[in-house]
C-alpha atoms as a PDB file:
ATOM      1  CA  UNK A   1     -19.107   0.984 -14.839  1.00  0.00           C
ATOM      2  CA  UNK A   2     -17.772   3.386 -12.055  1.00  0.00           C
ATOM      3  CA  UNK A   3     -20.443   5.477  -9.798  1.00  0.00           C
ATOM      4  CA  UNK A   4     -17.576   8.557  -9.571  1.00  0.00           C
ATOM      5  CA  UNK A   5     -18.180   8.976  -5.788  1.00  0.00           C
ATOM      6  CA  UNK A   6     -18.223   6.173  -4.343  1.00  0.00           C
ATOM      7  CA  UNK A   7     -15.407   6.210  -2.431  1.00  0.00           C
ATOM      8  CA  UNK A   8     -15.567   2.548  -0.939  1.00  0.00           C
ATOM      9  CA  UNK A   9     -15.429   0.680  -4.522  1.00  0.00           C
ATOM     10  CA  UNK A  10     -12.899   3.116  -5.771  1.00  0.00           C
ATOM     11  CA  UNK A  11     -10.573   2.525  -2.713  1.00  0.00           C
ATOM     12  CA  UNK A  12     -11.362  -1.080  -3.304  1.00  0.00           C
ATOM     13  CA  UNK A  13     -10.525  -1.129  -7.143  1.00  0.00           C
ATOM     14  CA  UNK A  14      -6.962   0.956  -6.341  1.00  0.00           C
ATOM     15  CA  UNK A  15      -5.871  -1.797  -3.959  1.00  0.00           C
ATOM     16  CA  UNK A  16      -7.350  -5.157  -5.735  1.00  0.00           C
ATOM     17  CA  UNK A  17      -6.617  -3.828  -9.566  1.00  0.00           C
ATOM     18  CA  UNK A  18      -2.841  -3.570  -9.328  1.00  0.00           C
ATOM     19  CA  UNK A  19      -2.487  -7.069  -7.004  1.00  0.00           C
ATOM     20  CA  UNK A  20      -4.019  -9.034  -9.631  1.00  0.00           C
ATOM     21  CA  UNK A  21      -1.077  -7.957 -12.319  1.00  0.00           C
ATOM     22  CA  UNK A  22       0.525 -11.711 -13.054  1.00  0.00           C
ATOM     23  CA  UNK A  23       3.696 -12.207 -15.221  1.00  0.00           C
ATOM     24  CA  UNK A  24       1.029 -13.683 -17.469  1.00  0.00           C
ATOM     25  CA  UNK A  25      -0.238 -10.901 -17.921  1.00  0.00           C
ATOM     26  CA  UNK A  26       0.272  -8.892 -21.264  1.00  0.00           C
ATOM     27  CA  UNK A  27       2.554  -5.863 -20.518  1.00  0.00           C
ATOM     28  CA  UNK A  28      -0.421  -3.355 -22.710  1.00  0.00           C
ATOM     29  CA  UNK A  29      -3.355  -4.741 -20.228  1.00  0.00           C
ATOM     30  CA  UNK A  30      -1.233  -4.701 -17.004  1.00  0.00           C
ATOM     31  CA  UNK A  31       0.023  -0.252 -18.341  1.00  0.00           C
ATOM     32  CA  UNK A  32      -4.001  -0.001 -18.566  1.00  0.00           C
ATOM     33  CA  UNK A  33      -4.972  -1.373 -15.688  1.00  0.00           C
ATOM     34  CA  UNK A  34      -1.785   0.168 -13.886  1.00  0.00           C
ATOM     35  CA  UNK A  35      -3.397   3.486 -15.147  1.00  0.00           C
ATOM     36  CA  UNK A  36      -7.388   2.847 -13.505  1.00  0.00           C
ATOM     37  CA  UNK A  37      -5.482   2.043  -9.495  1.00  0.00           C
ATOM     38  CA  UNK A  38      -3.735   5.155 -10.366  1.00  0.00           C
ATOM     39  CA  UNK A  39      -7.047   6.627 -10.835  1.00  0.00           C
ATOM     40  CA  UNK A  40      -8.933   5.326  -8.873  1.00  0.00           C
ATOM     41  CA  UNK A  41      -6.526   5.979  -5.980  1.00  0.00           C
ATOM     42  CA  UNK A  42      -6.028   9.541  -6.672  1.00  0.00           C
ATOM     43  CA  UNK A  43      -9.884  10.191  -6.646  1.00  0.00           C
ATOM     44  CA  UNK A  44     -11.082   8.571  -3.314  1.00  0.00           C
ATOM     45  CA  UNK A  45      -7.768  10.165  -1.771  1.00  0.00           C
ATOM     46  CA  UNK A  46      -9.384  13.770  -2.872  1.00  0.00           C
ATOM     47  CA  UNK A  47     -12.734  12.665  -2.604  1.00  0.00           C
ATOM     48  CA  UNK A  48     -12.911  10.740   0.978  1.00  0.00           C
ATOM     49  CA  UNK A  49     -12.177  13.495   3.217  1.00  0.00           C
ATOM     50  CA  UNK A  50     -15.143  15.573   1.941  1.00  0.00           C
ATOM     51  CA  UNK A  51     -17.513  12.544   2.536  1.00  0.00           C
ATOM     52  CA  UNK A  52     -20.419  14.128   5.033  1.00  0.00           C
ATOM     53  CA  UNK A  53     -20.571  11.879   7.435  1.00  0.00           C
ATOM     54  CA  UNK A  54     -24.633   9.437   7.795  1.00  0.00           C
ATOM     55  CA  UNK A  55     -26.394  10.300  10.647  1.00  0.00           C
ATOM     56  CA  UNK A  56     -26.530   6.961  11.651  1.00  0.00           C
ATOM     57  CA  UNK A  57     -22.812   6.339  12.344  1.00  0.00           C
ATOM     58  CA  UNK A  58     -21.106   6.975  14.868  1.00  0.00           C
ATOM     59  CA  UNK A  59     -17.964   9.251  14.738  1.00  0.00           C
ATOM     60  CA  UNK A  60     -15.203   6.827  15.642  1.00  0.00           C
ATOM     61  CA  UNK A  61     -17.085   4.132  12.908  1.00  0.00           C
ATOM     62  CA  UNK A  62     -17.028   7.014  10.099  1.00  0.00           C
ATOM     63  CA  UNK A  63     -13.649   7.725  11.249  1.00  0.00           C
ATOM     64  CA  UNK A  64     -12.490   4.244  10.750  1.00  0.00           C
ATOM     65  CA  UNK A  65     -14.620   3.264   7.291  1.00  0.00           C
ATOM     66  CA  UNK A  66     -12.963   6.827   6.070  1.00  0.00           C
ATOM     67  CA  UNK A  67      -9.323   5.520   7.041  1.00  0.00           C
ATOM     68  CA  UNK A  68     -10.275   2.257   5.751  1.00  0.00           C
ATOM     69  CA  UNK A  69     -10.683   3.332   2.171  1.00  0.00           C
ATOM     70  CA  UNK A  70      -7.617   5.919   2.245  1.00  0.00           C
ATOM     71  CA  UNK A  71      -5.511   2.852   3.468  1.00  0.00           C
ATOM     72  CA  UNK A  72      -6.784   1.052   1.003  1.00  0.00           C
ATOM     73  CA  UNK A  73      -6.404   3.751  -1.616  1.00  0.00           C
ATOM     74  CA  UNK A  74      -2.770   4.666  -1.087  1.00  0.00           C
ATOM     75  CA  UNK A  75      -1.442   0.912  -1.132  1.00  0.00           C
ATOM     76  CA  UNK A  76      -3.169   0.812  -4.544  1.00  0.00           C
ATOM     77  CA  UNK A  77      -1.469   4.207  -4.972  1.00  0.00           C
ATOM     78  CA  UNK A  78       1.788   3.082  -3.565  1.00  0.00           C
ATOM     79  CA  UNK A  79       1.979  -0.952  -5.213  1.00  0.00           C
ATOM     80  CA  UNK A  80       0.760   1.326  -8.449  1.00  0.00           C
ATOM     81  CA  UNK A  81       4.527   3.252  -7.837  1.00  0.00           C
ATOM     82  CA  UNK A  82       6.388   0.151  -7.385  1.00  0.00           C
ATOM     83  CA  UNK A  83       5.308  -0.946 -10.619  1.00  0.00           C
ATOM     84  CA  UNK A  84       6.040   0.892 -12.388  1.00  0.00           C
ATOM     85  CA  UNK A  85       9.677   1.371 -10.448  1.00  0.00           C
ATOM     86  CA  UNK A  86       8.968   4.326  -8.597  1.00  0.00           C
ATOM     87  CA  UNK A  87       9.382   3.613  -5.173  1.00  0.00           C
ATOM     88  CA  UNK A  88      10.280   6.638  -3.693  1.00  0.00           C
ATOM     89  CA  UNK A  89       7.157   7.086  -4.302  1.00  0.00           C
ATOM     90  CA  UNK A  90       5.558   4.244  -3.524  1.00  0.00           C
ATOM     91  CA  UNK A  91       7.192   4.308   0.088  1.00  0.00           C
ATOM     92  CA  UNK A  92       5.517   7.824   0.622  1.00  0.00           C
ATOM     93  CA  UNK A  93       1.800   5.816  -0.079  1.00  0.00           C
ATOM     94  CA  UNK A  94       2.590   2.853   1.716  1.00  0.00           C
ATOM     95  CA  UNK A  95       3.172   4.702   4.813  1.00  0.00           C
ATOM     96  CA  UNK A  96      -0.067   6.228   4.853  1.00  0.00           C
ATOM     97  CA  UNK A  97      -1.526   3.225   3.736  1.00  0.00           C
ATOM     98  CA  UNK A  98      -0.074   1.584   7.286  1.00  0.00           C
ATOM     99  CA  UNK A  99      -0.197   4.870   9.009  1.00  0.00           C
ATOM    100  CA  UNK A 100      -4.276   5.566   9.047  1.00  0.00           C
ATOM    101  CA  UNK A 101      -5.670   1.519   8.407  1.00  0.00           C
ATOM    102  CA  UNK A 102      -7.207   0.753  11.840  1.00  0.00           C
ATOM    103  CA  UNK A 103      -6.478  -3.292  11.198  1.00  0.00           C
ATOM    104  CA  UNK A 104      -2.815  -2.657   8.878  1.00  0.00           C
ATOM    105  CA  UNK A 105      -2.267  -5.380   6.248  1.00  0.00           C
ATOM    106  CA  UNK A 106       0.414  -7.644   5.731  1.00  0.00           C
ATOM    107  CA  UNK A 107       0.588  -6.875   2.773  1.00  0.00           C
ATOM    108  CA  UNK A 108       1.102  -2.591   3.292  1.00  0.00           C
ATOM    109  CA  UNK A 109       4.113  -3.841   5.007  1.00  0.00           C
ATOM    110  CA  UNK A 110       5.286  -6.284   3.076  1.00  0.00           C
ATOM    111  CA  UNK A 111       5.191  -3.959   0.133  1.00  0.00           C
ATOM    112  CA  UNK A 112       6.919  -0.942   2.524  1.00  0.00           C
ATOM    113  CA  UNK A 113       9.761  -3.275   3.118  1.00  0.00           C
ATOM    114  CA  UNK A 114      10.291  -3.575   0.158  1.00  0.00           C
ATOM    115  CA  UNK A 115      10.253  -0.544  -1.406  1.00  0.00           C
ATOM    116  CA  UNK A 116      12.359   0.660   1.638  1.00  0.00           C
ATOM    117  CA  UNK A 117      14.870  -2.098   0.630  1.00  0.00           C
ATOM    118  CA  UNK A 118      15.290  -1.621  -3.086  1.00  0.00           C
ATOM    119  CA  UNK A 119      15.801   2.168  -2.170  1.00  0.00           C
ATOM    120  CA  UNK A 120      19.087   1.441   0.317  1.00  0.00           C
ATOM    121  CA  UNK A 121      16.570   2.754   3.447  1.00  0.00           C
ATOM    122  CA  UNK A 122      17.675  -1.177   5.274  1.00  0.00           C
ATOM    123  CA  UNK A 123      16.313   0.480   8.991  1.00  0.00           C
ATOM    124  CA  UNK A 124      12.930   1.706   7.763  1.00  0.00           C
ATOM    125  CA  UNK A 125      12.740  -1.639   5.731  1.00  0.00           C
ATOM    126  CA  UNK A 126      13.684  -3.991   8.398  1.00  0.00           C
ATOM    127  CA  UNK A 127      11.401  -2.539  10.741  1.00  0.00           C
ATOM    128  CA  UNK A 128       8.713  -2.476   8.024  1.00  0.00           C
ATOM    129  CA  UNK A 129       9.041  -7.034   7.768  1.00  0.00           C
ATOM    130  CA  UNK A 130       9.022  -7.179  11.387  1.00  0.00           C
ATOM    131  CA  UNK A 131       5.814  -5.789  11.990  1.00  0.00           C
ATOM    132  CA  UNK A 132       4.163  -7.594   9.006  1.00  0.00           C
ATOM    133  CA  UNK A 133       6.399 -10.772  10.245  1.00  0.00           C
ATOM    134  CA  UNK A 134       4.821 -10.152  13.444  1.00  0.00           C
ATOM    135  CA  UNK A 135       1.079 -10.422  12.065  1.00  0.00           C
ATOM    136  CA  UNK A 136      -0.355 -14.079  12.297  1.00  0.00           C
ATOM    137  CA  UNK A 137      -1.051 -14.852   9.128  1.00  0.00           C
ATOM    138  CA  UNK A 138       0.619 -16.182   5.375  1.00  0.00           C
ATOM    139  CA  UNK A 139       2.759 -13.123   5.042  1.00  0.00           C
ATOM    140  CA  UNK A 140       4.533 -13.899   8.371  1.00  0.00           C
ATOM    141  CA  UNK A 141       7.316 -16.565   6.872  1.00  0.00           C
ATOM    142  CA  UNK A 142       8.019 -14.351   4.199  1.00  0.00           C
ATOM    143  CA  UNK A 143       8.586 -10.914   5.929  1.00  0.00           C
ATOM    144  CA  UNK A 144      10.565 -12.620   8.303  1.00  0.00           C
ATOM    145  CA  UNK A 145      12.810 -14.153   5.792  1.00  0.00           C
ATOM    146  CA  UNK A 146      13.596 -10.516   4.159  1.00  0.00           C
ATOM    147  CA  UNK A 147      14.052  -8.806   7.488  1.00  0.00           C
ATOM    148  CA  UNK A 148      17.018 -11.306   7.172  1.00  0.00           C
ATOM    149  CA  UNK A 149      17.944 -10.640   4.225  1.00  0.00           C
ATOM    150  CA  UNK A 150      17.817  -7.561   5.434  1.00  0.00           C
ATOM    151  CA  UNK A 151      19.879  -6.508   7.208  1.00  0.00           C
ATOM    152  CA  UNK A 152      22.577  -9.366   6.304  1.00  0.00           C
ATOM    153  CA  UNK A 153      22.227  -6.711   3.354  1.00  0.00           C
ATOM    154  CA  UNK A 154      22.195  -3.374   5.637  1.00  0.00           C
ATOM    155  CA  UNK A 155      25.626  -5.164   6.969  1.00  0.00           C
ATOM    156  CA  UNK A 156      27.004  -4.822   3.045  1.00  0.00           C
ATOM    157  CA  UNK A 157      26.149  -2.417   1.766  1.00  0.00           C
ATOM    158  CA  UNK A 158      25.561   1.459   2.302  1.00  0.00           C
ATOM    159  CA  UNK A 159      22.178   2.710   3.497  1.00  0.00           C
ATOM    160  CA  UNK A 160      20.745   5.803   1.705  1.00  0.00           C
ATOM    161  CA  UNK A 161      20.318   9.147   3.281  1.00  0.00           C
ATOM    162  CA  UNK A 162      16.364  10.855   4.207  1.00  0.00           C
END
């Protein structure tokens, strides 16, 4: 069982659980994982701002640690919403995740791009995919392809108002 106020563990579980779901997992199990991830995300988001700073940590290190936890929690909640088809809600969470993350995760930019693309926010999707493509790693090629695909889509479809 999780320690109820261990923000680092809550945030890590919040981000990891929805990313672990794949097509081979039965629907009921996936729904349970998403419910847990949502609970852990919301707990971490609620508790993190109230944590007192340990005496041995600098203000900068403490702020970075809190932001890392918040980024993971918002990322997890964003992916929960994507998996439930709630892309507008996902955008809010993923925007927050990339905004506060001291070391932005390209997966979050990719997910943000996909959520924006699915809601016809093409310019925002392209921006997110380009930020993902600019980070060296395994997501680079996928994000570059998505950016190009979204540019083509935006040329033939109407963008949704913000």
